[in-house]
Protein backbone atom coordinates (compact mmCIF):
# COMPACT_ATOMS: atom_id res chain seq x y z
CA MET A 1 -47.37 3.81 -12.67
CA ARG A 2 -46.09 5.66 -9.70
CA ARG A 3 -42.64 4.58 -8.12
CA GLN A 4 -44.13 3.58 -5.10
CA ASP A 5 -46.93 1.40 -6.83
CA LEU A 6 -43.71 -0.21 -8.99
CA PHE A 7 -41.69 -0.73 -5.72
CA HIS A 8 -45.18 -2.53 -3.82
CA LEU A 9 -45.93 -4.53 -7.14
CA CYS A 10 -42.14 -5.65 -7.47
CA ALA A 11 -42.24 -6.89 -3.52
CA GLN A 12 -45.46 -8.46 -3.98
CA ASN A 13 -44.81 -10.47 -7.01
CA LEU A 14 -41.13 -11.63 -5.52
CA LEU A 15 -42.82 -12.85 -2.23
CA ARG A 16 -45.81 -14.61 -3.93
CA LYS A 17 -43.18 -17.40 -4.66
CA LYS A 18 -40.70 -17.34 -1.83
CA THR A 19 -39.03 -20.63 -2.28
CA ARG A 20 -38.26 -19.79 -5.97
CA THR A 21 -37.05 -16.38 -5.34
CA PHE A 22 -34.90 -17.30 -2.59
CA LEU A 23 -33.05 -20.20 -4.59
CA THR A 24 -32.53 -17.71 -7.64
CA THR A 25 -31.08 -15.27 -5.08
CA LEU A 26 -29.12 -17.77 -3.66
CA GLY A 27 -27.53 -18.53 -6.97
CA VAL A 28 -26.53 -15.03 -7.40
CA LEU A 29 -25.26 -14.85 -3.86
CA ILE A 30 -22.76 -18.01 -4.66
CA GLY A 31 -21.87 -16.36 -7.77
CA CYS A 32 -20.98 -12.85 -6.43
CA CYS A 33 -19.65 -14.01 -3.09
CA SER A 34 -17.08 -16.55 -5.37
CA ILE A 35 -16.12 -13.17 -7.22
CA VAL A 36 -15.37 -11.42 -3.89
CA ILE A 37 -13.56 -13.89 -2.17
CA THR A 38 -11.22 -14.89 -5.09
CA VAL A 39 -10.38 -11.22 -5.89
CA SER A 40 -9.70 -10.53 -1.97
CA LEU A 41 -7.39 -13.37 -2.14
CA GLY A 42 -5.39 -11.88 -5.17
CA VAL A 43 -5.63 -8.33 -3.30
CA GLY A 44 -4.26 -9.89 -0.09
CA MET A 45 -1.46 -11.40 -1.97
CA LYS A 46 -0.46 -8.08 -3.45
CA GLU A 47 -0.62 -6.58 -0.16
CA THR A 48 1.54 -9.37 1.21
CA GLN A 49 3.95 -8.98 -1.21
CA GLU A 50 4.09 -4.92 -0.93
CA LYS A 51 4.79 -5.32 2.90
CA ALA A 52 7.51 -8.11 2.07
CA LEU A 53 9.10 -5.43 -0.28
CA SER A 54 8.71 -2.55 2.43
CA GLU A 55 10.63 -4.53 5.10
CA LEU A 56 13.75 -4.23 2.43
CA GLY A 57 13.05 -0.46 2.21
CA ASP A 58 10.75 2.34 1.46
CA LEU A 59 8.83 1.53 -2.00
CA THR A 60 8.41 5.44 -2.85
CA ILE A 61 11.95 5.92 -2.75
CA ILE A 62 13.98 6.83 -5.89
CA THR A 63 17.66 6.98 -5.85
CA VAL A 64 19.40 9.55 -8.36
CA ASN A 65 23.13 8.60 -9.33
CA PRO A 66 25.74 10.78 -10.86
CA PRO A 67 25.32 10.48 -14.84
CA GLN A 68 27.49 8.38 -16.66
CA ASN A 69 27.61 11.15 -19.70
CA SER A 70 29.88 13.85 -19.07
CA GLN A 71 27.35 16.31 -20.79
CA THR A 72 24.66 15.53 -18.50
CA GLY A 73 24.89 18.12 -15.47
CA ALA A 74 26.21 17.20 -11.80
CA LEU A 75 24.00 16.21 -8.82
CA ASP A 76 23.92 19.82 -7.76
CA ASP A 77 21.26 22.57 -6.40
CA HIS A 78 20.19 23.21 -9.72
CA LEU A 79 19.18 19.81 -10.14
CA LEU A 80 17.51 19.80 -7.07
CA GLN A 81 15.20 22.57 -7.84
CA GLN A 82 14.21 20.74 -11.09
CA LEU A 83 13.53 17.54 -9.14
CA ARG A 84 11.24 19.31 -6.65
CA GLU A 85 9.15 20.65 -9.60
CA ILE A 86 8.37 17.27 -11.07
CA SER A 87 4.72 16.47 -10.58
CA GLY A 88 4.24 13.66 -7.83
CA VAL A 89 7.49 14.45 -5.99
CA LYS A 90 6.81 14.83 -2.37
CA ALA A 91 10.45 15.48 -1.03
CA VAL A 92 13.95 15.57 -2.28
CA THR A 93 17.12 15.59 -0.53
CA PRO A 94 20.63 15.39 -1.29
CA LYS A 95 23.35 13.21 0.18
CA PHE A 96 26.94 13.64 0.61
CA THR A 97 29.28 11.01 1.73
CA LEU A 98 32.30 12.21 4.09
CA ASP A 99 34.54 9.94 1.92
CA ILE A 100 37.81 10.33 4.12
CA ASP A 101 40.14 7.33 5.06
CA SER A 102 40.32 8.67 8.79
CA VAL A 103 37.10 9.50 10.79
CA THR A 104 37.03 9.15 14.58
CA LEU A 105 33.97 9.67 16.61
CA SER A 106 34.21 9.63 20.76
CA ALA A 107 32.30 10.39 23.57
CA GLY A 108 32.44 10.16 27.62
CA PRO A 109 34.94 11.08 30.10
CA ASP A 110 38.24 11.20 28.62
CA HIS A 111 36.96 9.93 25.20
CA ARG A 112 36.31 6.56 26.54
CA TYR A 113 33.67 5.38 23.64
CA VAL A 114 35.42 5.50 20.21
CA ALA A 115 34.15 4.31 17.08
CA GLN A 116 37.25 4.39 14.52
CA TRP A 117 35.21 4.12 11.67
CA THR A 118 31.56 5.73 11.00
CA ASN A 119 29.74 6.32 8.01
CA ILE A 120 29.23 10.59 7.93
CA VAL A 121 26.32 11.34 5.62
CA ALA A 122 25.39 15.13 5.16
CA MET A 123 21.64 15.83 3.82
CA ASP A 124 18.75 18.11 3.92
CA VAL A 125 18.09 17.04 7.79
CA SER A 126 14.82 19.43 7.61
CA VAL A 127 13.16 16.94 5.80
CA MET A 128 13.89 13.67 6.88
CA GLU A 129 10.43 12.88 8.43
CA THR A 130 8.60 14.17 5.20
CA MET A 131 11.17 11.58 3.51
CA GLY A 132 9.69 8.63 5.38
CA TYR A 133 12.56 8.14 7.93
CA ARG A 134 11.21 6.37 10.99
CA PHE A 135 12.46 7.88 14.08
CA LEU A 136 12.77 5.11 16.64
CA GLU A 137 14.01 7.71 19.59
CA GLY A 138 14.29 11.77 19.59
CA SER A 139 13.43 13.84 16.94
CA PRO A 140 14.95 15.49 13.46
CA ALA A 141 18.09 17.79 13.94
CA THR A 142 17.52 21.24 14.32
CA LYS A 143 20.13 23.15 15.47
CA PRO A 144 23.88 23.41 14.24
CA GLY A 145 25.68 20.49 15.79
CA ASP A 146 22.67 18.17 16.07
CA ALA A 147 22.84 14.65 14.45
CA VAL A 148 20.70 11.82 13.70
CA ILE A 149 21.99 8.29 14.20
CA GLY A 150 21.39 4.87 12.47
CA GLN A 151 19.60 2.20 14.39
CA TYR A 152 22.61 0.22 15.23
CA MET A 153 25.36 2.79 15.33
CA ALA A 154 25.79 2.53 19.04
CA TYR A 155 27.54 -1.03 18.20
CA ASN A 156 30.34 0.63 16.51
CA LEU A 157 31.70 1.92 19.79
CA LYS A 158 34.37 0.69 21.54
CA ASP A 159 34.73 0.89 25.34
CA THR A 160 38.76 1.52 25.68
CA LEU A 161 38.54 0.83 29.07
CA ARG A 162 37.62 -3.01 28.45
CA PRO A 163 40.14 -5.58 27.52
CA GLU A 164 40.59 -6.26 23.76
CA GLY A 165 37.89 -8.75 22.78
CA ASP A 166 35.39 -7.69 25.28
CA ASP A 167 35.63 -4.18 24.03
CA MET A 168 32.52 -4.02 21.87
CA VAL A 169 28.92 -5.75 21.80
CA ASN A 170 28.00 -7.81 18.81
CA ARG A 171 24.35 -6.82 18.32
CA PHE A 172 23.93 -10.34 16.68
CA ASP A 173 24.21 -12.13 20.02
CA GLY A 174 20.85 -11.56 20.69
CA ASP A 175 17.89 -14.44 20.74
CA TRP A 176 16.54 -15.68 17.34
CA ASP A 177 13.68 -17.51 16.56
CA GLY A 178 13.00 -20.73 14.51
CA PHE A 179 12.56 -18.70 11.44
CA GLY A 180 15.76 -16.85 11.30
CA ASN A 181 14.36 -13.60 12.91
CA GLN A 182 15.97 -11.96 15.53
CA ILE A 183 13.75 -11.49 18.55
CA SER A 184 16.53 -9.33 21.18
CA VAL A 185 19.30 -7.23 20.71
CA PRO A 186 21.80 -6.84 23.33
CA ALA A 187 22.28 -3.54 24.99
CA PRO A 188 25.26 -1.65 23.92
CA TYR A 189 27.83 -0.05 26.46
CA LEU A 190 26.66 3.66 25.67
CA ASP A 191 23.45 5.16 24.61
CA PRO A 192 24.44 7.73 21.99
CA ILE A 193 21.09 10.11 22.40
CA GLY A 194 21.61 13.05 24.22
CA GLN A 195 25.52 12.45 24.65
CA GLU A 196 28.20 14.62 23.83
CA PHE A 197 30.25 13.44 20.83
CA THR A 198 33.53 14.69 19.08
CA LEU A 199 33.83 14.25 15.16
CA GLU A 200 37.43 14.34 14.09
CA VAL A 201 38.43 13.85 10.29
CA LYS A 202 42.09 13.86 9.34
CA THR A 203 42.78 15.12 5.79
CA ARG A 204 45.70 16.32 4.03
CA ALA A 205 45.03 19.74 4.78
CA GLY A 206 44.91 18.92 8.38
CA VAL A 207 42.79 17.55 11.30
CA PHE A 208 39.26 18.80 11.84
CA SER A 209 36.95 18.35 14.74
CA MET A 210 33.35 19.28 15.65
CA PRO A 211 31.11 18.94 18.64
CA LEU A 212 28.03 16.43 17.67
CA HIS A 213 24.84 15.99 19.86
CA PRO A 214 22.97 12.95 18.42
CA VAL A 215 19.26 13.84 18.88
CA GLY A 216 17.49 11.26 17.17
CA MET A 217 17.84 7.56 15.93
CA VAL A 218 16.17 6.15 12.61
CA LYS A 219 15.15 2.81 11.76
CA GLU A 220 17.20 0.96 9.32
CA ASP A 221 16.28 1.11 5.94
CA TYR A 222 18.47 0.23 3.06
CA SER A 223 16.40 1.93 0.41
CA LYS A 224 17.57 5.11 2.02
CA GLY A 225 21.18 4.17 2.62
CA ASN A 226 23.37 2.01 4.86
CA GLU A 227 23.85 5.15 7.09
CA THR A 228 20.37 4.33 8.55
CA VAL A 229 22.11 1.19 10.00
CA ASP A 230 25.12 2.23 11.68
CA GLY A 231 25.88 5.73 9.97
CA VAL A 232 25.66 9.28 11.25
CA MET A 233 23.51 12.07 9.44
CA ILE A 234 24.34 15.74 9.78
CA SER A 235 23.23 18.70 7.87
CA LEU A 236 24.95 20.07 4.98
CA ASP A 237 25.75 23.35 6.90
CA ASP A 238 27.65 21.12 9.52
CA LEU A 239 29.68 19.62 6.78
CA ARG A 240 30.96 22.89 5.28
CA ARG A 241 32.01 24.25 9.08
CA LEU A 242 33.44 20.72 9.57
CA LEU A 243 35.71 21.09 6.16
CA GLY A 244 36.26 24.99 6.86
CA GLN A 245 34.02 25.92 4.18
CA ALA A 246 32.15 28.86 5.42
CA ASP A 247 31.03 30.26 2.31
CA HIS A 248 27.65 29.10 1.84
CA ASN A 249 27.63 29.50 -1.96
CA ILE A 250 30.33 26.98 -3.09
CA PRO A 251 28.69 24.49 -5.34
CA ILE A 252 28.71 20.82 -3.93
CA SER A 253 28.33 18.09 -6.17
CA TYR A 254 26.37 15.41 -4.31
CA ASP A 255 26.83 11.77 -4.11
CA SER A 256 23.25 10.93 -4.82
CA ILE A 257 19.64 12.35 -4.63
CA LEU A 258 16.61 10.70 -2.65
CA VAL A 259 13.51 11.72 -4.31
CA LYS A 260 10.19 10.54 -2.58
CA THR A 261 6.91 10.38 -4.64
CA SER A 262 3.42 10.95 -2.94
CA SER A 263 2.40 7.34 -3.65
CA ILE A 264 3.67 3.96 -4.78
CA SER A 265 1.74 4.48 -8.14
CA GLN A 266 3.40 7.46 -9.22
CA VAL A 267 7.16 6.08 -8.66
CA SER A 268 7.35 4.74 -12.40
CA GLY A 269 6.22 7.94 -13.97
CA VAL A 270 8.80 10.37 -11.86
CA GLU A 271 11.72 7.68 -12.20
CA GLY A 272 10.96 7.82 -16.20
CA LYS A 273 11.25 11.59 -16.28
CA ILE A 274 14.34 11.61 -14.33
CA ASN A 275 15.80 9.15 -16.65
CA ALA A 276 14.79 11.25 -19.73
CA MET A 277 16.75 13.84 -18.01
CA GLY A 278 20.02 11.80 -18.23
CA TYR A 279 20.14 10.47 -14.95
CA PRO A 280 20.41 7.05 -13.87
CA THR A 281 18.14 6.02 -10.93
CA GLU A 282 17.22 3.01 -8.63
CA SER A 283 14.27 1.95 -7.02
CA MET A 284 12.23 -0.91 -5.63
CA GLU A 285 10.10 -0.65 -8.81
CA SER A 286 11.95 -2.99 -10.69
CA VAL A 287 11.30 -5.60 -8.36
CA ARG A 288 7.72 -4.55 -6.86
CA LYS A 289 6.22 -4.16 -10.85
CA PRO A 290 6.58 -7.79 -11.97
CA LEU A 291 5.19 -9.20 -8.54
CA GLU A 292 2.43 -6.71 -9.12
CA LYS A 293 1.70 -7.79 -12.69
CA GLU A 294 1.88 -11.30 -11.31
CA ALA A 295 -0.77 -10.33 -8.63
CA GLN A 296 -3.11 -8.82 -11.26
CA HIS A 297 -2.77 -12.02 -13.37
CA ARG A 298 -4.07 -14.38 -10.54
CA GLN A 299 -6.76 -11.79 -9.57
CA MET A 300 -7.97 -11.88 -13.09
CA THR A 301 -7.94 -15.64 -13.04
CA LEU A 302 -9.39 -16.19 -10.02
CA GLY A 303 -12.20 -13.64 -10.66
CA SER A 304 -12.87 -15.25 -14.03
CA LEU A 305 -13.89 -18.46 -12.13
CA GLY A 306 -16.14 -16.57 -9.82
CA ALA A 307 -17.53 -14.77 -12.85
CA ILE A 308 -18.48 -18.13 -14.29
CA SER A 309 -20.76 -18.84 -11.15
CA LEU A 310 -22.36 -15.53 -11.64
CA PHE A 311 -23.40 -15.82 -15.05
CA VAL A 312 -24.80 -19.45 -14.41
CA ALA A 313 -27.03 -17.66 -11.63
CA ALA A 314 -27.92 -15.26 -14.41
CA LEU A 315 -29.61 -18.02 -16.13
CA GLY A 316 -31.43 -18.95 -13.08
CA ILE A 317 -33.10 -15.43 -13.33
CA ILE A 318 -33.95 -15.91 -16.79
CA ASN A 319 -35.56 -19.02 -16.04
CA THR A 320 -37.41 -17.73 -12.82
CA MET A 321 -38.89 -14.61 -14.90
CA ILE A 322 -40.18 -16.50 -17.79
CA MET A 323 -41.66 -18.92 -15.40
CA SER A 324 -43.22 -15.86 -13.64
CA ILE A 325 -44.54 -14.56 -17.10
CA SER A 326 -46.29 -17.80 -17.98
CA GLU A 327 -47.93 -17.61 -14.28
CA ARG A 328 -48.90 -14.17 -15.01
CA THR A 329 -50.13 -13.98 -18.28
CA ARG A 330 -53.58 -13.18 -17.48
CA GLU A 331 -52.36 -10.24 -15.21
CA ILE A 332 -50.52 -8.93 -18.09
CA GLY A 333 -53.31 -8.94 -20.16
CA ILE A 334 -55.69 -7.19 -17.53
CA MET A 335 -52.78 -4.59 -17.25
CA LYS A 336 -52.79 -3.76 -20.91
CA SER A 337 -56.45 -3.65 -21.35
CA LEU A 338 -56.69 -1.18 -18.64
CA GLY A 339 -54.22 1.11 -20.56
CA CYS A 340 -51.22 0.44 -18.42
CA PRO A 341 -48.01 1.48 -20.68
CA VAL A 342 -46.07 -0.97 -22.12
CA SER A 343 -42.80 0.50 -20.89
CA ASP A 344 -44.30 0.05 -17.40
CA ILE A 345 -44.89 -3.54 -17.79
CA ARG A 346 -41.18 -3.86 -19.20
CA ILE A 347 -39.96 -1.79 -16.06
CA MET A 348 -41.66 -3.76 -13.64
CA PHE A 349 -39.97 -7.17 -15.02
CA LEU A 350 -36.64 -5.39 -15.07
CA ALA A 351 -37.21 -4.32 -11.56
CA GLU A 352 -37.96 -7.66 -10.24
CA ALA A 353 -34.61 -9.01 -12.01
CA GLY A 354 -32.82 -6.41 -10.84
CA ALA A 355 -33.96 -6.49 -7.32
CA ILE A 356 -32.99 -10.06 -7.22
CA GLY A 357 -29.44 -9.12 -8.21
CA PHE A 358 -29.21 -6.63 -5.95
CA ILE A 359 -30.49 -8.39 -2.84
CA GLY A 360 -27.87 -11.22 -3.85
CA GLY A 361 -25.18 -9.04 -4.29
CA VAL A 362 -25.43 -7.36 -0.92
CA SER A 363 -25.88 -10.57 0.72
CA ALA A 364 -22.67 -11.75 -0.78
CA CYS A 365 -20.94 -8.69 0.19
CA VAL A 366 -21.75 -9.18 3.97
CA ILE A 367 -21.02 -12.96 3.91
CA SER A 368 -17.67 -12.16 1.83
CA VAL A 369 -16.74 -9.84 4.48
CA ILE A 370 -17.50 -12.23 7.26
CA ILE A 371 -15.62 -15.16 5.57
CA SER A 372 -12.57 -12.69 4.70
CA VAL A 373 -12.45 -11.66 8.40
CA ALA A 374 -12.83 -15.18 9.59
CA VAL A 375 -9.95 -16.41 7.46
CA ASN A 376 -7.46 -13.53 8.73
CA PHE A 377 -8.55 -13.95 12.13
CA ILE A 378 -7.60 -17.91 12.22
CA SER A 379 -4.53 -16.95 10.10
CA MET A 380 -3.16 -14.49 12.82
CA GLY A 381 -4.32 -16.72 15.80
CA PRO A 382 -7.31 -16.99 17.55
CA SER A 383 -7.19 -13.83 19.99
CA LEU A 384 -9.60 -10.64 20.37
CA ASP A 385 -6.38 -8.44 19.53
CA HIS A 386 -6.56 -9.76 16.02
CA LEU A 387 -10.02 -9.17 15.49
CA ILE A 388 -9.48 -5.32 14.45
CA PRO A 389 -6.28 -6.24 12.38
CA ALA A 390 -8.23 -8.89 10.67
CA LEU A 391 -10.67 -6.53 9.25
CA LEU A 392 -8.88 -3.28 8.66
CA GLY A 393 -5.14 -4.46 8.69
CA GLY A 394 -2.16 -2.39 10.07
CA GLU A 395 1.45 -1.55 9.46
CA ASP A 396 2.69 -4.56 10.64
CA VAL A 397 0.05 -7.04 9.51
CA ALA A 398 -0.19 -9.15 6.41
CA ARG A 399 -3.79 -10.40 5.35
CA ILE A 400 -4.60 -13.37 3.56
CA SER A 401 -8.02 -11.93 2.19
CA VAL A 402 -8.44 -8.14 1.79
CA ILE A 403 -11.72 -6.53 0.83
CA PRO A 404 -11.28 -3.10 -0.56
CA PRO A 405 -14.39 -0.98 -0.51
CA TRP A 406 -14.08 -0.47 -4.37
CA LEU A 407 -14.64 -4.42 -4.64
CA LEU A 408 -18.17 -4.36 -2.55
CA LEU A 409 -19.35 -1.65 -4.89
CA PHE A 410 -18.44 -3.20 -8.08
CA ALA A 411 -19.88 -6.56 -6.84
CA VAL A 412 -22.96 -5.20 -6.13
CA LEU A 413 -23.31 -3.29 -9.09
CA PHE A 414 -22.17 -6.07 -11.10
CA SER A 415 -24.79 -8.24 -9.55
CA VAL A 416 -27.66 -5.73 -10.52
CA LEU A 417 -26.26 -5.40 -14.09
CA ILE A 418 -26.52 -9.07 -14.32
CA GLY A 419 -30.02 -9.34 -12.92
CA LEU A 420 -31.00 -6.53 -15.22
CA GLY A 421 -29.32 -8.18 -18.51
CA ALA A 422 -31.06 -11.46 -17.47
CA GLY A 423 -34.29 -9.72 -17.16
CA CYS A 424 -34.38 -8.11 -20.50
CA TYR A 425 -35.65 -11.41 -22.57
CA PRO A 426 -38.43 -12.17 -20.20
CA ALA A 427 -39.52 -8.35 -20.15
CA ASN A 428 -39.28 -8.43 -23.83
CA LYS A 429 -41.26 -11.29 -24.03
CA ALA A 430 -44.18 -9.88 -21.43
CA VAL A 431 -44.86 -6.89 -23.70
CA ARG A 432 -45.12 -8.90 -26.88
CA ILE A 433 -48.10 -10.86 -25.32
CA SER A 434 -51.21 -10.36 -27.09
CA VAL A 435 -53.92 -8.77 -25.12
CA LEU A 436 -56.74 -10.88 -26.23
CA GLU A 437 -54.67 -14.21 -25.76
CA ALA A 438 -53.53 -13.20 -22.39
CA ILE A 439 -57.21 -12.54 -20.99
CA LYS A 440 -58.37 -15.74 -22.30
CA SER A 441 -55.07 -17.48 -20.48
CA GLU A 442 -56.27 -19.63 -17.37
């Protein structure tokens, strides 16, 4: 039997009893739709958890701390090279905090604006964007003397011409909503970007100073360090010049090293390799992993409840196909008497059962996507601006229901397999019918 004949015969038989076929397909649709929707709620829960954690910091950042064992090497350039060679590592930068009692940062005419305490951190500024630092203003440092400041560094500056008590701006004096979120931040007395600053440090060896030019401002990110909040980030070369270390070959033992992985899924493996080298690490993985396991457990629970509905629908397919066999017994006998291969009869009934599963699965996917978008749209607020985020999501959007492409593909394939599995028994029963009895059948 040719494929086109098989397809035509399959469609003809399904349309012969439209109501029965519709009700059987509806059962598959409901079962498959329940699986997609329940699993999508679990995926949405996982997405919401990760977005909440990302507010606390970059989930792909691993902080390597100095070893507690003296036999393990220090955080130096040799270790940096080893970390860069680990599979899954996207970028690496060392960090060296200028731990000096007296650090002064001043700007403006006659050094009017002064920060008497500033967190100065030297790092590889060339990889800041690769490391995931989000620039709110300006760009990364590229020239000697360029610096990058934290989001709220400007609020450390004191206006020396103003009376005491009114010489600094409190950034927490802005407007707040009813949920404890700050809506607006008051403007500082000085916008540091583009200004000429003088950095001065006092040590036992003397007083050192150098000009600084803030060229960029990064968003606060505690996973990368407190300097992203109110500190200043400079290059390692500028740090050497500040301390008078002109010889760039002098080894430096860093305070910590930031390692960024290519994806969240690689954090655990990379962190394990670093721990095996003898270095303690910190990351958001210890918080994210238990939440991920909880979300997966809920997905399995919800998906299992939906699968029960689909297996009930499989019983409906079996019932439909058995009834179809009893109605077409004479037709089967005629096909056998004309020399139709038994395999073609089996394939015909399996194709009908698979078609019911396929139609129900595809219809369920379409309806599930509509329900998912509607749920997200209502939760975000009935506005046309929320229609696209409700479907595709976004950086600052947390959806209740998330249907990834793999879930739709799985739903269709699973529905087809359920249909084929349910059709096996009726198909085998059809091929075992005696030709003589089938022809005599009315």
